[in-house]
Amino acid sequence: MKLYIGSDHAGFEGKKFIAAWLRARGHDFTDFGTFSNASVDYPDFAKQVATAVDASNKAGIDAQGILVCSTAVGVSIVANKVKGIRAALVFKPAIATLARQHNNANVICLPGKFMTDDEITLCLEAWFAASFEGGRHERRVEKITAVEK
């Protein structure tokens, strides 16, 4: 699986933690930034991550994204504007699990300002442990995709 991560300045510390967490587990990833606490615009980074996830998936490469900003609302709005992306705003492990199982979400958006490192860890563990169930959820995801056309 290919992973892409990104954040704005408000999510920078959370993204740094996530990058270390991913490295410690042997995950390869591309970090689109930001790379400091200096003020930046979250749409720039969310678009890069979402576009990379979509391009990889279209090329037949299983890809997912991780985005962090203050509330995760902004990055999730931007990511969901990119065709092929199903971004989920996640702040509890159960939401991470269900977003993957029921919605086939491919970008997790985390509210760095409101989560501890331990909470982020639990959500990421749940995200990576879950997979799309298909079945009755397949037609629902197909209907989501149809909205993009």
Protein backbone atom coordinates (compact mmCIF):
# COMPACT_ATOMS: atom_id res chain seq x y z
CA MET A 1 0.00 0.00 0.00
CA LYS A 2 1.18 3.52 -0.83
CA LEU A 3 0.60 6.18 1.81
CA TYR A 4 0.50 9.95 1.43
CA ILE A 5 0.44 12.33 4.40
CA GLY A 6 -0.02 16.05 4.79
CA SER A 7 -1.05 18.79 7.17
CA ASP A 8 -1.28 22.49 7.62
CA HIS A 9 0.54 24.37 10.39
CA ALA A 10 -2.13 23.49 12.97
CA GLY A 11 -1.70 19.80 12.21
CA PHE A 12 2.07 19.85 11.86
CA GLU A 13 2.87 18.37 15.29
CA GLY A 14 0.28 15.63 14.80
CA LYS A 15 1.70 14.85 11.36
CA LYS A 16 5.22 14.65 12.80
CA PHE A 17 3.95 12.10 15.32
CA ILE A 18 2.16 10.15 12.57
CA ALA A 19 5.28 10.12 10.38
CA ALA A 20 7.33 8.66 13.25
CA TRP A 21 4.55 6.16 14.00
CA LEU A 22 4.45 5.03 10.37
CA ARG A 23 8.26 4.73 10.15
CA ALA A 24 8.37 2.66 13.35
CA ARG A 25 5.97 0.20 11.73
CA GLY A 26 7.89 0.00 8.48
CA HIS A 27 5.39 1.94 6.37
CA ASP A 28 6.72 3.80 3.35
CA PHE A 29 5.01 7.13 2.72
CA THR A 30 5.26 10.41 0.88
CA ASP A 31 5.02 13.53 3.03
CA PHE A 32 3.57 16.52 1.17
CA GLY A 33 4.18 18.88 4.11
CA THR A 34 3.92 21.28 5.65
CA PHE A 35 7.31 21.05 7.30
CA SER A 36 7.03 23.75 9.98
CA ASN A 37 4.59 25.57 12.24
CA ALA A 38 4.56 28.59 9.91
CA SER A 39 1.07 29.54 8.79
CA VAL A 40 -0.01 27.92 5.52
CA ASP A 41 -3.28 27.18 3.74
CA TYR A 42 -4.69 23.70 4.36
CA PRO A 43 -6.35 23.39 0.91
CA ASP A 44 -2.92 23.27 -0.73
CA PHE A 45 -1.82 20.21 1.24
CA ALA A 46 -5.16 18.41 1.29
CA LYS A 47 -5.41 18.71 -2.50
CA GLN A 48 -1.91 17.27 -2.99
CA VAL A 49 -2.59 14.25 -0.77
CA ALA A 50 -6.03 13.57 -2.25
CA THR A 51 -4.81 13.94 -5.82
CA ALA A 52 -1.91 11.56 -5.17
CA VAL A 53 -4.20 8.96 -3.59
CA ASP A 54 -6.59 9.14 -6.53
CA ALA A 55 -3.81 8.95 -9.13
CA SER A 56 -2.27 5.92 -7.44
CA ASN A 57 -5.60 4.15 -7.14
CA LYS A 58 -6.36 4.82 -10.82
CA ALA A 59 -2.96 3.31 -11.66
CA GLY A 60 -3.93 0.13 -9.80
CA ILE A 61 -1.85 0.91 -6.71
CA ASP A 62 -3.67 0.62 -3.39
CA ALA A 63 -3.20 4.04 -1.81
CA GLN A 64 -4.50 5.89 1.21
CA GLY A 65 -4.01 9.35 2.64
CA ILE A 66 -3.64 10.80 6.09
CA LEU A 67 -4.45 14.47 6.64
CA VAL A 68 -4.22 16.54 9.82
CA CYS A 69 -5.41 20.05 10.54
CA SER A 70 -6.89 21.76 13.57
CA THR A 71 -10.43 20.34 13.33
CA ALA A 72 -10.02 18.09 10.26
CA VAL A 73 -13.10 19.76 8.79
CA GLY A 74 -11.22 21.85 6.24
CA VAL A 75 -8.98 19.07 4.96
CA SER A 76 -11.89 16.65 4.72
CA ILE A 77 -13.92 19.16 2.68
CA VAL A 78 -11.03 19.73 0.29
CA ALA A 79 -10.12 16.05 -0.05
CA ASN A 80 -13.72 15.13 -0.80
CA LYS A 81 -13.75 17.58 -3.71
CA VAL A 82 -11.23 15.34 -5.52
CA LYS A 83 -12.93 12.75 -7.69
CA GLY A 84 -12.34 9.23 -6.38
CA ILE A 85 -11.70 10.30 -2.80
CA ARG A 86 -13.78 9.23 0.15
CA ALA A 87 -12.29 11.16 3.06
CA ALA A 88 -13.47 10.49 6.59
CA LEU A 89 -13.18 12.86 9.54
CA VAL A 90 -12.09 10.51 12.31
CA PHE A 91 -11.69 11.14 16.04
CA LYS A 92 -12.57 7.73 17.51
CA PRO A 93 -11.34 4.25 16.60
CA ALA A 94 -14.87 3.00 15.89
CA ILE A 95 -15.35 5.74 13.31
CA ALA A 96 -12.06 4.76 11.64
CA THR A 97 -13.17 1.13 11.49
CA LEU A 98 -16.62 1.87 10.11
CA ALA A 99 -15.33 4.41 7.59
CA ARG A 100 -13.13 1.70 6.09
CA GLN A 101 -15.63 -1.17 6.42
CA HIS A 102 -18.79 0.60 5.25
CA ASN A 103 -17.62 3.56 3.16
CA ASN A 104 -14.37 2.24 1.70
CA ALA A 105 -12.79 5.51 2.86
CA ASN A 106 -9.34 6.10 1.42
CA VAL A 107 -8.29 9.26 3.29
CA ILE A 108 -8.38 9.63 7.06
CA CYS A 109 -8.65 13.20 8.36
CA LEU A 110 -7.64 13.78 11.96
CA PRO A 111 -8.30 16.85 14.15
CA GLY A 112 -4.80 17.33 15.56
CA LYS A 113 -5.80 20.13 17.92
CA PHE A 114 -8.29 17.88 19.69
CA MET A 115 -6.47 14.53 19.83
CA THR A 116 -3.63 13.19 21.93
CA ASP A 117 -0.91 11.05 20.40
CA ASP A 118 -2.49 8.03 22.08
CA GLU A 119 -5.87 8.81 20.51
CA ILE A 120 -4.25 9.27 17.10
CA THR A 121 -2.52 5.92 17.54
CA LEU A 122 -5.78 4.14 18.36
CA CYS A 123 -7.50 5.65 15.33
CA LEU A 124 -4.65 4.73 12.99
CA GLU A 125 -4.51 1.18 14.34
CA ALA A 126 -8.24 0.82 13.76
CA TRP A 127 -7.97 2.34 10.27
CA PHE A 128 -5.20 0.01 9.14
CA ALA A 129 -6.81 -3.06 10.72
CA ALA A 130 -10.10 -2.55 8.87
CA SER A 131 -10.97 -3.19 5.25
CA PHE A 132 -13.98 -2.67 3.04
CA GLU A 133 -16.68 -5.27 3.65
CA GLY A 134 -18.40 -4.93 0.29
CA GLY A 135 -21.81 -6.63 0.25
CA ARG A 136 -24.63 -4.22 0.95
CA HIS A 137 -22.09 -1.40 1.29
CA GLU A 138 -20.91 -1.87 -2.30
CA ARG A 139 -24.02 -0.34 -3.85
CA ARG A 140 -23.84 2.59 -1.43
CA VAL A 141 -20.26 3.34 -2.38
CA GLU A 142 -21.27 3.04 -6.04
CA LYS A 143 -23.95 5.67 -5.39
CA ILE A 144 -21.33 7.95 -3.82
CA THR A 145 -19.19 7.51 -6.93
CA ALA A 146 -22.19 8.28 -9.15
CA VAL A 147 -22.54 11.68 -7.46
CA GLU A 148 -19.08 12.58 -8.78
CA LYS A 149 -20.17 12.26 -12.42
